[in-house]
Amino acid sequence: MGGQSLLEMLNSVFGGALTTLIGAFTGRLMYHSGEVKLGRRRFFGKELLWEIPVAVGMALIGEAAASYMGLTQPVSTGFIATLAYLGPRGAESLLAAWLGRRK
């Protein structure tokens, strides 16, 4: 495994699907940690459980979007983590802005 990046190592050990989920869960955990830091949530509160379906959903959406845009590893995993951090509302705003510029 010498000379591999972290994402390349995760891909070779776990495969692309798990690496995608790890990226999505990392993005949601970063968002959740920010909310904890601002005092809006407790770290081990019920809100943490609600992040699971959001992370899985954002992984699916992000993987489809990355495939559509032709992104390859490790860029696609970073893109998925970013979308997961933004969450559904943030991704919707990003998509609306992108579609608005295409017209």
PDB file of N, CA and C in Angstrom:
ATOM      1  N   MET A   1       0.813  -1.207   0.000  1.00  0.00           N
ATOM      2  CA  MET A   1       0.000   0.000   0.000  1.00  0.00           C
ATOM      3  C   MET A   1       0.852   1.265   0.000  1.00  0.00           C
ATOM      4  N   GLY A   2       2.129   1.116  -0.230  1.00  0.00           N
ATOM      5  CA  GLY A   2       3.008   2.264  -0.223  1.00  0.00           C
ATOM      6  C   GLY A   2       2.697   3.221  -1.361  1.00  0.00           C
ATOM      7  N   GLY A   3       2.733   4.514  -1.076  1.00  0.00           N
ATOM      8  CA  GLY A   3       2.510   5.521  -2.091  1.00  0.00           C
ATOM      9  C   GLY A   3       1.055   5.814  -2.411  1.00  0.00           C
ATOM     10  N   GLN A   4       0.134   5.147  -1.737  1.00  0.00           N
ATOM     11  CA  GLN A   4      -1.289   5.386  -1.999  1.00  0.00           C
ATOM     12  C   GLN A   4      -1.813   6.508  -1.120  1.00  0.00           C
ATOM     13  N   SER A   5      -2.781   7.251  -1.657  1.00  0.00           N
ATOM     14  CA  SER A   5      -3.453   8.245  -0.838  1.00  0.00           C
ATOM     15  C   SER A   5      -4.426   7.515   0.090  1.00  0.00           C
ATOM     16  N   LEU A   6      -4.963   8.216   1.053  1.00  0.00           N
ATOM     17  CA  LEU A   6      -5.925   7.626   1.978  1.00  0.00           C
ATOM     18  C   LEU A   6      -7.135   7.082   1.232  1.00  0.00           C
ATOM     19  N   LEU A   7      -7.666   7.838   0.289  1.00  0.00           N
ATOM     20  CA  LEU A   7      -8.836   7.376  -0.461  1.00  0.00           C
ATOM     21  C   LEU A   7      -8.513   6.180  -1.339  1.00  0.00           C
ATOM     22  N   GLU A   8      -7.331   6.154  -1.934  1.00  0.00           N
ATOM     23  CA  GLU A   8      -6.934   4.997  -2.737  1.00  0.00           C
ATOM     24  C   GLU A   8      -6.813   3.751  -1.867  1.00  0.00           C
ATOM     25  N   MET A   9      -6.280   3.926  -0.659  1.00  0.00           N
ATOM     26  CA  MET A   9      -6.154   2.803   0.258  1.00  0.00           C
ATOM     27  C   MET A   9      -7.537   2.295   0.684  1.00  0.00           C
ATOM     28  N   LEU A  10      -8.450   3.217   1.015  1.00  0.00           N
ATOM     29  CA  LEU A  10      -9.809   2.823   1.394  1.00  0.00           C
ATOM     30  C   LEU A  10     -10.496   2.090   0.252  1.00  0.00           C
ATOM     31  N   ASN A  11     -10.327   2.585  -0.974  1.00  0.00           N
ATOM     32  CA  ASN A  11     -10.917   1.921  -2.140  1.00  0.00           C
ATOM     33  C   ASN A  11     -10.379   0.513  -2.316  1.00  0.00           C
ATOM     34  N   SER A  12      -9.076   0.349  -2.152  1.00  0.00           N
ATOM     35  CA  SER A  12      -8.497  -0.977  -2.368  1.00  0.00           C
ATOM     36  C   SER A  12      -8.873  -1.942  -1.248  1.00  0.00           C
ATOM     37  N   VAL A  13      -9.019  -1.448  -0.031  1.00  0.00           N
ATOM     38  CA  VAL A  13      -9.360  -2.319   1.091  1.00  0.00           C
ATOM     39  C   VAL A  13     -10.859  -2.594   1.146  1.00  0.00           C
ATOM     40  N   PHE A  14     -11.675  -1.561   1.038  1.00  0.00           N
ATOM     41  CA  PHE A  14     -13.117  -1.698   1.246  1.00  0.00           C
ATOM     42  C   PHE A  14     -13.934  -1.707  -0.045  1.00  0.00           C
ATOM     43  N   GLY A  15     -13.417  -1.158  -1.104  1.00  0.00           N
ATOM     44  CA  GLY A  15     -14.194  -1.029  -2.333  1.00  0.00           C
ATOM     45  C   GLY A  15     -14.822   0.349  -2.428  1.00  0.00           C
ATOM     46  N   GLY A  16     -15.280   0.683  -3.626  1.00  0.00           N
ATOM     47  CA  GLY A  16     -15.802   2.019  -3.895  1.00  0.00           C
ATOM     48  C   GLY A  16     -17.075   2.357  -3.157  1.00  0.00           C
ATOM     49  N   ALA A  17     -17.972   1.391  -2.989  1.00  0.00           N
ATOM     50  CA  ALA A  17     -19.250   1.678  -2.334  1.00  0.00           C
ATOM     51  C   ALA A  17     -19.049   2.079  -0.878  1.00  0.00           C
ATOM     52  N   LEU A  18     -18.200   1.351  -0.177  1.00  0.00           N
ATOM     53  CA  LEU A  18     -17.972   1.691   1.223  1.00  0.00           C
ATOM     54  C   LEU A  18     -17.218   3.008   1.352  1.00  0.00           C
ATOM     55  N   THR A  19     -16.291   3.255   0.430  1.00  0.00           N
ATOM     56  CA  THR A  19     -15.571   4.527   0.448  1.00  0.00           C
ATOM     57  C   THR A  19     -16.537   5.690   0.230  1.00  0.00           C
ATOM     58  N   THR A  20     -17.516   5.501  -0.643  1.00  0.00           N
ATOM     59  CA  THR A  20     -18.539   6.524  -0.867  1.00  0.00           C
ATOM     60  C   THR A  20     -19.313   6.782   0.416  1.00  0.00           C
ATOM     61  N   LEU A  21     -19.713   5.724   1.107  1.00  0.00           N
ATOM     62  CA  LEU A  21     -20.444   5.884   2.369  1.00  0.00           C
ATOM     63  C   LEU A  21     -19.585   6.536   3.438  1.00  0.00           C
ATOM     64  N   ILE A  22     -18.307   6.173   3.496  1.00  0.00           N
ATOM     65  CA  ILE A  22     -17.404   6.802   4.468  1.00  0.00           C
ATOM     66  C   ILE A  22     -17.316   8.302   4.198  1.00  0.00           C
ATOM     67  N   GLY A  23     -17.201   8.676   2.918  1.00  0.00           N
ATOM     68  CA  GLY A  23     -17.170  10.098   2.567  1.00  0.00           C
ATOM     69  C   GLY A  23     -18.443  10.814   2.979  1.00  0.00           C
ATOM     70  N   ALA A  24     -19.592  10.186   2.734  1.00  0.00           N
ATOM     71  CA  ALA A  24     -20.875  10.802   3.083  1.00  0.00           C
ATOM     72  C   ALA A  24     -21.031  10.925   4.595  1.00  0.00           C
ATOM     73  N   PHE A  25     -20.671   9.869   5.329  1.00  0.00           N
ATOM     74  CA  PHE A  25     -20.777   9.936   6.789  1.00  0.00           C
ATOM     75  C   PHE A  25     -19.809  10.962   7.367  1.00  0.00           C
ATOM     76  N   THR A  26     -18.640  11.094   6.760  1.00  0.00           N
ATOM     77  CA  THR A  26     -17.680  12.106   7.210  1.00  0.00           C
ATOM     78  C   THR A  26     -18.240  13.513   7.009  1.00  0.00           C
ATOM     79  N   GLY A  27     -18.853  13.747   5.857  1.00  0.00           N
ATOM     80  CA  GLY A  27     -19.472  15.055   5.598  1.00  0.00           C
ATOM     81  C   GLY A  27     -20.572  15.372   6.602  1.00  0.00           C
ATOM     82  N   ARG A  28     -21.438  14.400   6.889  1.00  0.00           N
ATOM     83  CA  ARG A  28     -22.516  14.634   7.857  1.00  0.00           C
ATOM     84  C   ARG A  28     -21.970  14.813   9.268  1.00  0.00           C
ATOM     85  N   LEU A  29     -20.904  14.068   9.610  1.00  0.00           N
ATOM     86  CA  LEU A  29     -20.302  14.217  10.930  1.00  0.00           C
ATOM     87  C   LEU A  29     -19.661  15.590  11.088  1.00  0.00           C
ATOM     88  N   MET A  30     -19.072  16.110  10.016  1.00  0.00           N
ATOM     89  CA  MET A  30     -18.514  17.466  10.062  1.00  0.00           C
ATOM     90  C   MET A  30     -19.621  18.481  10.296  1.00  0.00           C
ATOM     91  N   TYR A  31     -20.754  18.316   9.613  1.00  0.00           N
ATOM     92  CA  TYR A  31     -21.885  19.235   9.810  1.00  0.00           C
ATOM     93  C   TYR A  31     -22.396  19.132  11.244  1.00  0.00           C
ATOM     94  N   HIS A  32     -22.592  17.896  11.709  1.00  0.00           N
ATOM     95  CA  HIS A  32     -23.103  17.669  13.064  1.00  0.00           C
ATOM     96  C   HIS A  32     -22.163  18.273  14.111  1.00  0.00           C
ATOM     97  N   SER A  33     -20.861  18.094  13.915  1.00  0.00           N
ATOM     98  CA  SER A  33     -19.880  18.646  14.855  1.00  0.00           C
ATOM     99  C   SER A  33     -19.941  20.167  14.903  1.00  0.00           C
ATOM    100  N   GLY A  34     -20.173  20.787  13.767  1.00  0.00           N
ATOM    101  CA  GLY A  34     -20.337  22.243  13.744  1.00  0.00           C
ATOM    102  C   GLY A  34     -21.556  22.696  14.526  1.00  0.00           C
ATOM    103  N   GLU A  35     -22.646  21.951  14.398  1.00  0.00           N
ATOM    104  CA  GLU A  35     -23.860  22.265  15.158  1.00  0.00           C
ATOM    105  C   GLU A  35     -23.626  22.082  16.660  1.00  0.00           C
ATOM    106  N   VAL A  36     -22.858  21.057  17.036  1.00  0.00           N
ATOM    107  CA  VAL A  36     -22.512  20.832  18.441  1.00  0.00           C
ATOM    108  C   VAL A  36     -21.673  21.993  18.959  1.00  0.00           C
ATOM    109  N   LYS A  37     -20.701  22.405  18.171  1.00  0.00           N
ATOM    110  CA  LYS A  37     -19.823  23.509  18.563  1.00  0.00           C
ATOM    111  C   LYS A  37     -20.605  24.803  18.780  1.00  0.00           C
ATOM    112  N   LEU A  38     -21.647  25.009  17.972  1.00  0.00           N
ATOM    113  CA  LEU A  38     -22.475  26.209  18.115  1.00  0.00           C
ATOM    114  C   LEU A  38     -23.496  26.089  19.250  1.00  0.00           C
ATOM    115  N   GLY A  39     -23.566  24.913  19.874  1.00  0.00           N
ATOM    116  CA  GLY A  39     -24.487  24.704  20.992  1.00  0.00           C
ATOM    117  C   GLY A  39     -25.908  24.381  20.566  1.00  0.00           C
ATOM    118  N   ARG A  40     -26.119  24.060  19.314  1.00  0.00           N
ATOM    119  CA  ARG A  40     -27.465  23.748  18.830  1.00  0.00           C
ATOM    120  C   ARG A  40     -27.843  22.291  19.049  1.00  0.00           C
ATOM    121  N   ARG A  41     -26.841  21.437  19.299  1.00  0.00           N
ATOM    122  CA  ARG A  41     -27.071  20.001  19.481  1.00  0.00           C
ATOM    123  C   ARG A  41     -26.114  19.463  20.542  1.00  0.00           C
ATOM    124  N   ARG A  42     -26.505  18.320  21.111  1.00  0.00           N
ATOM    125  CA  ARG A  42     -25.570  17.536  21.924  1.00  0.00           C
ATOM    126  C   ARG A  42     -24.913  16.539  20.974  1.00  0.00           C
ATOM    127  N   PHE A  43     -23.666  16.188  21.242  1.00  0.00           N
ATOM    128  CA  PHE A  43     -22.988  15.303  20.303  1.00  0.00           C
ATOM    129  C   PHE A  43     -23.673  13.948  20.213  1.00  0.00           C
ATOM    130  N   PHE A  44     -24.003  13.339  21.331  1.00  0.00           N
ATOM    131  CA  PHE A  44     -24.645  12.029  21.317  1.00  0.00           C
ATOM    132  C   PHE A  44     -26.147  12.141  21.521  1.00  0.00           C
ATOM    133  N   GLY A  45     -26.765  13.132  20.903  1.00  0.00           N
ATOM    134  CA  GLY A  45     -28.210  13.310  20.975  1.00  0.00           C
ATOM    135  C   GLY A  45     -28.914  12.544  19.869  1.00  0.00           C
ATOM    136  N   LYS A  46     -30.249  12.620  19.905  1.00  0.00           N
ATOM    137  CA  LYS A  46     -31.059  11.919  18.901  1.00  0.00           C
ATOM    138  C   LYS A  46     -30.820  12.455  17.493  1.00  0.00           C
ATOM    139  N   GLU A  47     -30.356  13.688  17.388  1.00  0.00           N
ATOM    140  CA  GLU A  47     -30.079  14.274  16.065  1.00  0.00           C
ATOM    141  C   GLU A  47     -29.014  13.481  15.315  1.00  0.00           C
ATOM    142  N   LEU A  48     -28.090  12.882  16.050  1.00  0.00           N
ATOM    143  CA  LEU A  48     -27.040  12.100  15.415  1.00  0.00           C
ATOM    144  C   LEU A  48     -27.622  10.909  14.658  1.00  0.00           C
ATOM    145  N   LEU A  49     -28.681  10.308  15.179  1.00  0.00           N
ATOM    146  CA  LEU A  49     -29.336   9.187  14.493  1.00  0.00           C
ATOM    147  C   LEU A  49     -29.981   9.628  13.180  1.00  0.00           C
ATOM    148  N   TRP A  50     -30.508  10.853  13.147  1.00  0.00           N
ATOM    149  CA  TRP A  50     -31.146  11.355  11.927  1.00  0.00           C
ATOM    150  C   TRP A  50     -30.134  11.617  10.824  1.00  0.00           C
ATOM    151  N   GLU A  51     -28.873  11.684  11.166  1.00  0.00           N
ATOM    152  CA  GLU A  51     -27.836  11.908  10.157  1.00  0.00           C
ATOM    153  C   GLU A  51     -27.583  10.657   9.317  1.00  0.00           C
ATOM    154  N   ILE A  52     -27.938   9.481   9.821  1.00  0.00           N
ATOM    155  CA  ILE A  52     -27.677   8.227   9.096  1.00  0.00           C
ATOM    156  C   ILE A  52     -28.426   8.180   7.763  1.00  0.00           C
ATOM    157  N   PRO A  53     -29.769   8.346   7.757  1.00  0.00           N
ATOM    158  CA  PRO A  53     -30.439   8.306   6.450  1.00  0.00           C
ATOM    159  C   PRO A  53     -30.047   9.464   5.533  1.00  0.00           C
ATOM    160  N   VAL A  54     -29.719  10.599   6.110  1.00  0.00           N
ATOM    161  CA  VAL A  54     -29.265  11.728   5.286  1.00  0.00           C
ATOM    162  C   VAL A  54     -27.943  11.373   4.613  1.00  0.00           C
ATOM    163  N   ALA A  55     -27.022  10.772   5.362  1.00  0.00           N
ATOM    164  CA  ALA A  55     -25.727  10.392   4.798  1.00  0.00           C
ATOM    165  C   ALA A  55     -25.891   9.362   3.681  1.00  0.00           C
ATOM    166  N   VAL A  56     -26.738   8.362   3.904  1.00  0.00           N
ATOM    167  CA  VAL A  56     -26.949   7.336   2.879  1.00  0.00           C
ATOM    168  C   VAL A  56     -27.593   7.957   1.634  1.00  0.00           C
ATOM    169  N   GLY A  57     -28.593   8.786   1.834  1.00  0.00           N
ATOM    170  CA  GLY A  57     -29.250   9.446   0.703  1.00  0.00           C
ATOM    171  C   GLY A  57     -28.309  10.351  -0.060  1.00  0.00           C
ATOM    172  N   MET A  58     -27.497  11.103   0.657  1.00  0.00           N
ATOM    173  CA  MET A  58     -26.550  11.993  -0.014  1.00  0.00           C
ATOM    174  C   MET A  58     -25.452  11.200  -0.717  1.00  0.00           C
ATOM    175  N   ALA A  59     -25.116  10.012  -0.195  1.00  0.00           N
ATOM    176  CA  ALA A  59     -24.146   9.155  -0.886  1.00  0.00           C
ATOM    177  C   ALA A  59     -24.706   8.703  -2.227  1.00  0.00           C
ATOM    178  N   LEU A  60     -25.972   8.305  -2.247  1.00  0.00           N
ATOM    179  CA  LEU A  60     -26.602   7.865  -3.491  1.00  0.00           C
ATOM    180  C   LEU A  60     -26.707   9.014  -4.494  1.00  0.00           C
ATOM    181  N   ILE A  61     -27.164  10.159  -4.027  1.00  0.00           N
ATOM    182  CA  ILE A  61     -27.297  11.329  -4.896  1.00  0.00           C
ATOM    183  C   ILE A  61     -25.925  11.785  -5.389  1.00  0.00           C
ATOM    184  N   GLY A  62     -24.967  11.837  -4.475  1.00  0.00           N
ATOM    185  CA  GLY A  62     -23.629  12.285  -4.831  1.00  0.00           C
ATOM    186  C   GLY A  62     -22.943  11.354  -5.815  1.00  0.00           C
ATOM    187  N   GLU A  63     -23.131  10.044  -5.634  1.00  0.00           N
ATOM    188  CA  GLU A  63     -22.533   9.079  -6.561  1.00  0.00           C
ATOM    189  C   GLU A  63     -23.117   9.244  -7.955  1.00  0.00           C
ATOM    190  N   ALA A  64     -24.430   9.439  -8.026  1.00  0.00           N
ATOM    191  CA  ALA A  64     -25.072   9.640  -9.330  1.00  0.00           C
ATOM    192  C   ALA A  64     -24.580  10.934  -9.983  1.00  0.00           C
ATOM    193  N   ALA A  65     -24.506  12.007  -9.205  1.00  0.00           N
ATOM    194  CA  ALA A  65     -24.048  13.294  -9.744  1.00  0.00           C
ATOM    195  C   ALA A  65     -22.584  13.215 -10.183  1.00  0.00           C
ATOM    196  N   ALA A  66     -21.748  12.546  -9.384  1.00  0.00           N
ATOM    197  CA  ALA A  66     -20.335  12.409  -9.732  1.00  0.00           C
ATOM    198  C   ALA A  66     -20.173  11.595 -11.015  1.00  0.00           C
ATOM    199  N   SER A  67     -20.983  10.562 -11.162  1.00  0.00           N
ATOM    200  CA  SER A  67     -20.942   9.752 -12.379  1.00  0.00           C
ATOM    201  C   SER A  67     -21.387  10.569 -13.583  1.00  0.00           C
ATOM    202  N   TYR A  68     -22.452  11.354 -13.418  1.00  0.00           N
ATOM    203  CA  TYR A  68     -22.963  12.204 -14.502  1.00  0.00           C
ATOM    204  C   TYR A  68     -21.908  13.212 -14.950  1.00  0.00           C
ATOM    205  N   MET A  69     -21.173  13.753 -13.977  1.00  0.00           N
ATOM    206  CA  MET A  69     -20.155  14.765 -14.285  1.00  0.00           C
ATOM    207  C   MET A  69     -18.842  14.138 -14.723  1.00  0.00           C
ATOM    208  N   GLY A  70     -18.742  12.809 -14.661  1.00  0.00           N
ATOM    209  CA  GLY A  70     -17.528  12.132 -15.087  1.00  0.00           C
ATOM    210  C   GLY A  70     -16.379  12.221 -14.102  1.00  0.00           C
ATOM    211  N   LEU A  71     -16.690  12.432 -12.840  1.00  0.00           N
ATOM    212  CA  LEU A  71     -15.640  12.527 -11.826  1.00  0.00           C
ATOM    213  C   LEU A  71     -15.123  11.131 -11.486  1.00  0.00           C
ATOM    214  N   THR A  72     -13.831  11.027 -11.281  1.00  0.00           N
ATOM    215  CA  THR A  72     -13.223   9.756 -10.892  1.00  0.00           C
ATOM    216  C   THR A  72     -12.699   9.873  -9.460  1.00  0.00           C
ATOM    217  N   GLN A  73     -12.267   8.742  -8.907  1.00  0.00           N
ATOM    218  CA  GLN A  73     -11.690   8.743  -7.566  1.00  0.00           C
ATOM    219  C   GLN A  73     -10.366   9.489  -7.597  1.00  0.00           C
ATOM    220  N   PRO A  74      -9.963  10.199  -6.603  1.00  0.00           N
ATOM    221  CA  PRO A  74     -10.635  10.470  -5.343  1.00  0.00           C
ATOM    222  C   PRO A  74     -11.542  11.697  -5.372  1.00  0.00           C
ATOM    223  N   VAL A  75     -11.631  12.339  -6.530  1.00  0.00           N
ATOM    224  CA  VAL A  75     -12.434  13.561  -6.647  1.00  0.00           C
ATOM    225  C   VAL A  75     -13.901  13.283  -6.334  1.00  0.00           C
ATOM    226  N   SER A  76     -14.418  12.154  -6.801  1.00  0.00           N
ATOM    227  CA  SER A  76     -15.831  11.856  -6.567  1.00  0.00           C
ATOM    228  C   SER A  76     -16.129  11.688  -5.085  1.00  0.00           C
ATOM    229  N   THR A  77     -15.223  11.084  -4.330  1.00  0.00           N
ATOM    230  CA  THR A  77     -15.447  10.924  -2.889  1.00  0.00           C
ATOM    231  C   THR A  77     -15.444  12.281  -2.194  1.00  0.00           C
ATOM    232  N   GLY A  78     -14.557  13.161  -2.587  1.00  0.00           N
ATOM    233  CA  GLY A  78     -14.553  14.522  -2.025  1.00  0.00           C
ATOM    234  C   GLY A  78     -15.816  15.274  -2.368  1.00  0.00           C
ATOM    235  N   PHE A  79     -16.281  15.106  -3.595  1.00  0.00           N
ATOM    236  CA  PHE A  79     -17.538  15.729  -4.024  1.00  0.00           C
ATOM    237  C   PHE A  79     -18.703  15.209  -3.194  1.00  0.00           C
ATOM    238  N   ILE A  80     -18.750  13.904  -2.972  1.00  0.00           N
ATOM    239  CA  ILE A  80     -19.817  13.293  -2.181  1.00  0.00           C
ATOM    240  C   ILE A  80     -19.769  13.776  -0.736  1.00  0.00           C
ATOM    241  N   ALA A  81     -18.572  13.865  -0.162  1.00  0.00           N
ATOM    242  CA  ALA A  81     -18.440  14.372   1.208  1.00  0.00           C
ATOM    243  C   ALA A  81     -18.923  15.818   1.300  1.00  0.00           C
ATOM    244  N   THR A  82     -18.616  16.607   0.283  1.00  0.00           N
ATOM    245  CA  THR A  82     -19.066  18.004   0.258  1.00  0.00           C
ATOM    246  C   THR A  82     -20.584  18.089   0.178  1.00  0.00           C
ATOM    247  N   LEU A  83     -21.190  17.297  -0.710  1.00  0.00           N
ATOM    248  CA  LEU A  83     -22.649  17.290  -0.812  1.00  0.00           C
ATOM    249  C   LEU A  83     -23.292  16.821   0.488  1.00  0.00           C
ATOM    250  N   ALA A  84     -22.700  15.803   1.116  1.00  0.00           N
ATOM    251  CA  ALA A  84     -23.244  15.301   2.378  1.00  0.00           C
ATOM    252  C   ALA A  84     -23.149  16.368   3.461  1.00  0.00           C
ATOM    253  N   TYR A  85     -22.058  17.114   3.471  1.00  0.00           N
ATOM    254  CA  TYR A  85     -21.918  18.210   4.434  1.00  0.00           C
ATOM    255  C   TYR A  85     -23.021  19.251   4.216  1.00  0.00           C
ATOM    256  N   LEU A  86     -23.281  19.578   2.969  1.00  0.00           N
ATOM    257  CA  LEU A  86     -24.320  20.557   2.651  1.00  0.00           C
ATOM    258  C   LEU A  86     -25.712  20.030   2.983  1.00  0.00           C
ATOM    259  N   GLY A  87     -25.902  18.728   2.852  1.00  0.00           N
ATOM    260  CA  GLY A  87     -27.201  18.123   3.127  1.00  0.00           C
ATOM    261  C   GLY A  87     -28.175  18.364   1.988  1.00  0.00           C
ATOM    262  N   PRO A  88     -29.390  17.846   2.141  1.00  0.00           N
ATOM    263  CA  PRO A  88     -30.382  17.967   1.063  1.00  0.00           C
ATOM    264  C   PRO A  88     -30.715  19.412   0.693  1.00  0.00           C
ATOM    265  N   ARG A  89     -30.885  20.271   1.681  1.00  0.00           N
ATOM    266  CA  ARG A  89     -31.233  21.669   1.368  1.00  0.00           C
ATOM    267  C   ARG A  89     -30.079  22.398   0.696  1.00  0.00           C
ATOM    268  N   GLY A  90     -28.885  22.172   1.184  1.00  0.00           N
ATOM    269  CA  GLY A  90     -27.714  22.804   0.577  1.00  0.00           C
ATOM    270  C   GLY A  90     -27.474  22.309  -0.835  1.00  0.00           C
ATOM    271  N   ALA A  91     -27.648  21.006  -1.045  1.00  0.00           N
ATOM    272  CA  ALA A  91     -27.480  20.446  -2.386  1.00  0.00           C
ATOM    273  C   ALA A  91     -28.555  20.984  -3.328  1.00  0.00           C
ATOM    274  N   GLU A  92     -29.772  21.148  -2.816  1.00  0.00           N
ATOM    275  CA  GLU A  92     -30.856  21.709  -3.629  1.00  0.00           C
ATOM    276  C   GLU A  92     -30.525  23.148  -4.043  1.00  0.00           C
ATOM    277  N   SER A  93     -30.012  23.932  -3.115  1.00  0.00           N
ATOM    278  CA  SER A  93     -29.629  25.315  -3.426  1.00  0.00           C
ATOM    279  C   SER A  93     -28.504  25.356  -4.452  1.00  0.00           C
ATOM    280  N   LEU A  94     -27.535  24.463  -4.293  1.00  0.00           N
ATOM    281  CA  LEU A  94     -26.423  24.390  -5.230  1.00  0.00           C
ATOM    282  C   LEU A  94     -26.910  24.007  -6.620  1.00  0.00           C
ATOM    283  N   LEU A  95     -27.800  23.025  -6.702  1.00  0.00           N
ATOM    284  CA  LEU A  95     -28.356  22.594  -7.982  1.00  0.00           C
ATOM    285  C   LEU A  95     -29.180  23.706  -8.627  1.00  0.00           C
ATOM    286  N   ALA A  96     -29.989  24.410  -7.843  1.00  0.00           N
ATOM    287  CA  ALA A  96     -30.796  25.511  -8.375  1.00  0.00           C
ATOM    288  C   ALA A  96     -29.909  26.618  -8.943  1.00  0.00           C
ATOM    289  N   ALA A  97     -28.832  26.939  -8.229  1.00  0.00           N
ATOM    290  CA  ALA A  97     -27.907  27.965  -8.708  1.00  0.00           C
ATOM    291  C   ALA A  97     -27.227  27.519  -9.997  1.00  0.00           C
ATOM    292  N   TRP A  98     -26.832  26.249 -10.056  1.00  0.00           N
ATOM    293  CA  TRP A  98     -26.171  25.721 -11.246  1.00  0.00           C
ATOM    294  C   TRP A  98     -27.120  25.706 -12.432  1.00  0.00           C
ATOM    295  N   LEU A  99     -28.362  25.267 -12.210  1.00  0.00           N
ATOM    296  CA  LEU A  99     -29.333  25.239 -13.297  1.00  0.00           C
ATOM    297  C   LEU A  99     -29.693  26.647 -13.755  1.00  0.00           C
ATOM    298  N   GLY A 100     -29.740  27.591 -12.806  1.00  0.00           N
ATOM    299  CA  GLY A 100     -30.037  28.980 -13.152  1.00  0.00           C
ATOM    300  C   GLY A 100     -28.975  29.594 -14.035  1.00  0.00           C
ATOM    301  N   ARG A 101     -27.715  29.197 -13.841  1.00  0.00           N
ATOM    302  CA  ARG A 101     -26.615  29.731 -14.662  1.00  0.00           C
ATOM    303  C   ARG A 101     -26.587  29.096 -16.039  1.00  0.00           C
ATOM    304  N   ARG A 102     -27.170  27.906 -16.181  1.00  0.00           N
ATOM    305  CA  ARG A 102     -27.160  27.219 -17.486  1.00  0.00           C
ATOM    306  C   ARG A 102     -28.177  27.807 -18.455  1.00  0.00           C
ATOM    307  N   LYS A 103     -29.177  28.528 -17.961  1.00  0.00           N
ATOM    308  CA  LYS A 103     -30.220  29.080 -18.833  1.00  0.00           C
ATOM    309  C   LYS A 103     -29.748  30.282 -19.581  1.00  0.00           C
TER     310      LYS A 103
END
